[in-house]
Amino acid sequence: MATIFTAWQGVLTRMAKAAQAAGRSPESVHLLAVGKTFPAESIRELHGCGQRAFGENYVQELTTKARELADLPGLAWHFIGPLQSNKTRHVAEIAAWVHTVDRLKIAERLAAQRPESLPPLNVCIQVNVSGEASKSGVEPKAASALAHAMAALPRLRLRGLMCIPEPTGDDERLRAQFATLAALKQQLEREGLVLDTLSMGMSADLDLAIREGATIVRVGTALFGARTYNSNQDQGIPG
């Protein structure tokens, strides 16, 4: 456990330093441990260190790991990958959060399929802040209409916004993309929506994201090590 525990403590320390440098409380930023491609036992080990929020990118991995780790107390699953309409039921029944809603149809299916026995499903709108054609996410100018429509749905709780910036070695470009998401959240709040979440920042850029207001950072490789993919897996959303 020492290796994962040391990595976990290192990430938490890095997050705290970034928050303090931005004049923020370290408690204002939360770590989401991304388990994509890593075995359930790695998640079990990190849970034993004290981590409770875990993210998965693939529905099959989410369902398998949720079954294998059902005995762990307090574990909260976050779905952070592209979500197809024919796979929403599994996510609605298992996850506590979905970060990647970018269409009203997906939100409506999640709302309809969320079991009454569970608390409302926390959701974030994924925004394409980089303008890349290959990226999922709603365009910033269309986010307001989607947000207000989602906020009216039953069994969902709209918490905020999520983004995946364009991979670049230019820190200023990265900061500008994070700042776009933060500004959009402020706009939606002025429009009367109550939001508390900016899901942005990963292993390589979480410091910049925290500086621009991130409240959840999604970290995988800095906790578990480098990923390996088989021929049937794409690389999806990194962490």
Protein backbone atom coordinates (compact mmCIF):
# COMPACT_ATOMS: atom_id res chain seq x y z
CA MET A 1 0.00 0.00 0.00
CA ALA A 2 2.97 2.28 0.55
CA THR A 3 3.38 3.09 -3.15
CA ILE A 4 -0.23 4.08 -3.78
CA PHE A 5 -0.46 5.79 -0.40
CA THR A 6 2.66 7.83 -1.16
CA ALA A 7 1.35 8.80 -4.60
CA TRP A 8 -2.02 9.74 -3.11
CA GLN A 9 -0.43 11.90 -0.44
CA GLY A 10 1.76 13.52 -3.09
CA VAL A 11 -1.24 14.45 -5.22
CA LEU A 12 -3.13 15.83 -2.22
CA THR A 13 -0.11 17.91 -1.24
CA ARG A 14 0.23 19.21 -4.79
CA MET A 15 -3.45 20.15 -4.81
CA ALA A 16 -3.18 21.93 -1.47
CA LYS A 17 -0.16 23.95 -2.60
CA ALA A 18 -1.93 24.97 -5.82
CA ALA A 19 -5.01 26.04 -3.90
CA GLN A 20 -2.97 28.06 -1.41
CA ALA A 21 -1.04 29.73 -4.24
CA ALA A 22 -4.39 30.79 -5.70
CA GLY A 23 -5.58 32.17 -2.36
CA ARG A 24 -8.05 29.34 -1.91
CA SER A 25 -8.69 26.85 0.86
CA PRO A 26 -7.29 23.37 0.12
CA GLU A 27 -10.68 22.01 1.22
CA SER A 28 -12.30 23.77 -1.76
CA VAL A 29 -10.76 21.27 -4.22
CA HIS A 30 -11.64 17.57 -4.26
CA LEU A 31 -9.73 14.66 -5.75
CA LEU A 32 -11.47 12.25 -8.10
CA ALA A 33 -9.31 9.13 -8.56
CA VAL A 34 -9.68 7.85 -12.12
CA GLY A 35 -9.48 4.07 -12.26
CA LYS A 36 -9.80 3.63 -16.03
CA THR A 37 -7.98 0.43 -17.13
CA PHE A 38 -6.62 -0.18 -13.62
CA PRO A 39 -7.82 -3.29 -11.76
CA ALA A 40 -10.44 -3.23 -9.03
CA GLU A 41 -7.77 -4.19 -6.51
CA SER A 42 -5.97 -0.89 -7.13
CA ILE A 43 -9.16 0.94 -6.28
CA ARG A 44 -9.62 -1.22 -3.19
CA GLU A 45 -6.07 -0.36 -2.12
CA LEU A 46 -6.59 3.38 -2.58
CA HIS A 47 -9.94 3.19 -0.79
CA GLY A 48 -8.03 1.68 2.13
CA CYS A 49 -5.88 4.83 2.21
CA GLY A 50 -8.99 6.97 2.64
CA GLN A 51 -9.98 7.94 -0.91
CA ARG A 52 -13.71 7.69 -1.54
CA ALA A 53 -14.52 9.27 -4.96
CA PHE A 54 -13.58 7.20 -8.01
CA GLY A 55 -14.16 7.91 -11.70
CA GLU A 56 -14.64 5.52 -14.60
CA ASN A 57 -14.73 6.23 -18.35
CA TYR A 58 -16.33 3.05 -19.65
CA VAL A 59 -19.76 1.73 -18.70
CA GLN A 60 -18.59 -1.89 -18.70
CA GLU A 61 -15.71 -1.10 -16.35
CA LEU A 62 -18.04 0.86 -14.09
CA THR A 63 -20.54 -1.98 -13.80
CA THR A 64 -17.87 -4.65 -13.29
CA LYS A 65 -15.93 -2.71 -10.66
CA ALA A 66 -19.08 -1.60 -8.85
CA ARG A 67 -20.05 -5.26 -8.50
CA GLU A 68 -16.56 -6.36 -7.38
CA LEU A 69 -16.22 -3.52 -4.88
CA ALA A 70 -19.78 -3.45 -3.54
CA ASP A 71 -18.51 -4.24 -0.05
CA LEU A 72 -16.50 -0.99 0.27
CA PRO A 73 -18.20 1.59 2.50
CA GLY A 74 -18.67 5.15 1.30
CA LEU A 75 -17.36 4.59 -2.22
CA ALA A 76 -18.87 7.10 -4.68
CA TRP A 77 -18.73 6.36 -8.40
CA HIS A 78 -18.37 9.21 -10.92
CA PHE A 79 -18.91 8.49 -14.61
CA ILE A 80 -16.56 10.68 -16.66
CA GLY A 81 -16.59 9.17 -20.16
CA PRO A 82 -18.68 9.60 -23.31
CA LEU A 83 -22.17 8.29 -22.64
CA GLN A 84 -24.37 6.74 -25.32
CA SER A 85 -28.14 6.81 -24.90
CA ASN A 86 -28.40 3.00 -24.93
CA LYS A 87 -26.08 2.75 -21.89
CA THR A 88 -27.56 5.37 -19.60
CA ARG A 89 -29.52 2.93 -17.42
CA HIS A 90 -26.44 1.27 -15.91
CA VAL A 91 -24.92 4.66 -15.11
CA ALA A 92 -28.18 6.01 -13.66
CA GLU A 93 -28.42 3.00 -11.36
CA ILE A 94 -24.79 2.94 -10.17
CA ALA A 95 -23.17 6.37 -10.32
CA ALA A 96 -23.43 9.20 -7.83
CA TRP A 97 -22.17 11.69 -10.43
CA VAL A 98 -22.07 12.01 -14.23
CA HIS A 99 -19.64 14.65 -15.52
CA THR A 100 -20.12 14.31 -19.26
CA VAL A 101 -23.70 15.25 -20.14
CA ASP A 102 -23.72 17.29 -23.35
CA ARG A 103 -27.19 16.56 -24.78
CA LEU A 104 -30.66 16.98 -23.34
CA LYS A 105 -31.60 13.49 -24.55
CA ILE A 106 -28.92 11.96 -22.31
CA ALA A 107 -30.06 14.05 -19.34
CA GLU A 108 -33.68 13.05 -19.88
CA ARG A 109 -32.81 9.36 -19.99
CA LEU A 110 -30.70 9.62 -16.83
CA ALA A 111 -33.55 11.40 -15.06
CA ALA A 112 -36.11 8.81 -16.15
CA GLN A 113 -33.89 5.87 -15.22
CA ARG A 114 -32.60 7.12 -11.85
CA PRO A 115 -34.12 4.82 -9.20
CA GLU A 116 -36.46 6.52 -6.74
CA SER A 117 -34.63 4.76 -3.92
CA LEU A 118 -31.43 6.71 -4.64
CA PRO A 119 -30.64 10.40 -4.09
CA PRO A 120 -30.83 12.63 -7.16
CA LEU A 121 -28.01 12.02 -9.62
CA ASN A 122 -25.40 14.78 -9.57
CA VAL A 123 -24.62 15.92 -13.11
CA CYS A 124 -22.24 18.28 -14.86
CA ILE A 125 -22.46 19.64 -18.38
CA GLN A 126 -19.43 18.89 -20.52
CA VAL A 127 -18.39 22.00 -22.45
CA ASN A 128 -16.09 21.96 -25.47
CA VAL A 129 -13.89 24.88 -24.44
CA SER A 130 -11.22 24.22 -27.09
CA GLY A 131 -13.53 24.15 -30.10
CA GLU A 132 -11.97 20.92 -31.38
CA ALA A 133 -14.27 19.06 -33.75
CA SER A 134 -13.12 15.73 -32.29
CA LYS A 135 -14.10 16.68 -28.73
CA SER A 136 -17.38 15.90 -27.06
CA GLY A 137 -19.16 18.67 -25.24
CA VAL A 138 -21.67 21.40 -25.90
CA GLU A 139 -20.46 24.66 -27.40
CA PRO A 140 -20.15 27.41 -24.79
CA LYS A 141 -22.84 29.51 -26.47
CA ALA A 142 -25.31 26.61 -26.25
CA ALA A 143 -24.57 25.75 -22.62
CA SER A 144 -27.12 28.11 -21.09
CA ALA A 145 -30.15 26.59 -22.82
CA LEU A 146 -29.01 23.08 -21.95
CA ALA A 147 -28.29 24.01 -18.33
CA HIS A 148 -31.71 25.54 -17.73
CA ALA A 149 -33.44 22.55 -19.36
CA MET A 150 -31.44 20.09 -17.26
CA ALA A 151 -32.03 22.00 -14.04
CA ALA A 152 -35.76 21.46 -14.51
CA LEU A 153 -35.53 17.67 -14.78
CA PRO A 154 -36.56 15.46 -11.85
CA ARG A 155 -34.13 13.03 -10.18
CA LEU A 156 -31.13 15.09 -11.34
CA ARG A 157 -29.14 17.78 -9.54
CA LEU A 158 -27.19 20.05 -11.86
CA ARG A 159 -23.92 20.76 -10.03
CA GLY A 160 -21.78 22.55 -12.59
CA LEU A 161 -19.55 22.24 -15.64
CA MET A 162 -16.77 19.97 -16.88
CA CYS A 163 -14.16 20.32 -19.62
CA ILE A 164 -11.24 18.53 -21.24
CA PRO A 165 -8.86 21.15 -22.63
CA GLU A 166 -6.85 20.79 -25.80
CA PRO A 167 -3.56 19.00 -25.08
CA THR A 168 -0.89 21.66 -25.40
CA GLY A 169 2.41 22.57 -23.84
CA ASP A 170 1.32 26.19 -23.74
CA ASP A 171 0.27 27.01 -20.19
CA GLU A 172 -1.42 30.24 -21.22
CA ARG A 173 -3.63 28.43 -23.72
CA LEU A 174 -4.55 25.89 -21.06
CA ARG A 175 -5.34 28.60 -18.53
CA ALA A 176 -7.50 30.41 -21.09
CA GLN A 177 -9.56 27.27 -21.65
CA PHE A 178 -10.02 26.71 -17.93
CA ALA A 179 -10.92 30.38 -17.53
CA THR A 180 -13.58 30.01 -20.23
CA LEU A 181 -15.29 27.30 -18.19
CA ALA A 182 -15.07 29.35 -14.99
CA ALA A 183 -16.54 32.40 -16.72
CA LEU A 184 -19.38 30.32 -18.13
CA LYS A 185 -20.22 29.04 -14.65
CA GLN A 186 -20.37 32.62 -13.41
CA GLN A 187 -22.68 33.55 -16.30
CA LEU A 188 -25.05 30.69 -15.48
CA GLU A 189 -25.08 31.73 -11.83
CA ARG A 190 -26.05 35.26 -12.85
CA GLU A 191 -28.91 33.67 -14.79
CA GLY A 192 -30.20 32.18 -11.53
CA LEU A 193 -28.72 28.68 -11.54
CA VAL A 194 -27.14 27.42 -8.33
CA LEU A 195 -23.84 25.72 -9.23
CA ASP A 196 -20.89 24.67 -7.11
CA THR A 197 -18.69 22.52 -9.36
CA LEU A 198 -15.97 23.01 -11.96
CA SER A 199 -14.65 19.58 -12.96
CA MET A 200 -11.39 20.37 -14.72
CA GLY A 201 -7.74 19.49 -14.43
CA MET A 202 -5.95 16.15 -14.66
CA SER A 203 -2.58 14.70 -13.70
CA ALA A 204 -0.56 16.99 -15.98
CA ASP A 205 -2.43 20.28 -15.54
CA LEU A 206 -4.29 20.21 -12.23
CA ASP A 207 -2.20 23.09 -10.83
CA LEU A 208 -3.36 25.43 -13.60
CA ALA A 209 -6.94 24.22 -13.28
CA ILE A 210 -7.00 24.88 -9.54
CA ARG A 211 -5.61 28.35 -10.15
CA GLU A 212 -8.60 29.03 -12.42
CA GLY A 213 -11.19 27.69 -9.96
CA ALA A 214 -11.41 23.90 -10.31
CA THR A 215 -13.36 22.23 -7.51
CA ILE A 216 -12.83 18.63 -8.74
CA VAL A 217 -9.65 17.41 -10.40
CA ARG A 218 -9.66 14.04 -12.19
CA VAL A 219 -6.39 12.18 -11.58
CA GLY A 220 -5.38 8.69 -12.67
CA THR A 221 -1.79 8.24 -13.80
CA ALA A 222 -0.32 10.34 -10.97
CA LEU A 223 -1.97 7.90 -8.56
CA PHE A 224 -1.82 4.51 -10.25
CA GLY A 225 0.97 4.86 -12.83
CA ALA A 226 1.01 4.70 -16.61
CA ARG A 227 -1.91 3.04 -18.35
CA THR A 228 -1.77 0.18 -20.81
CA TYR A 229 -4.51 -0.36 -23.37
CA ASN A 230 -5.61 -3.47 -25.18
CA SER A 231 -6.65 -3.48 -28.82
CA ASN A 232 -10.33 -3.06 -27.93
CA GLN A 233 -9.86 0.09 -25.84
CA ASP A 234 -9.35 3.64 -27.00
CA GLN A 235 -7.64 6.17 -24.79
CA GLY A 236 -10.79 8.14 -24.06
CA ILE A 237 -10.55 10.86 -21.43
CA PRO A 238 -7.17 10.93 -19.72
CA GLY A 239 -6.65 11.53 -16.04
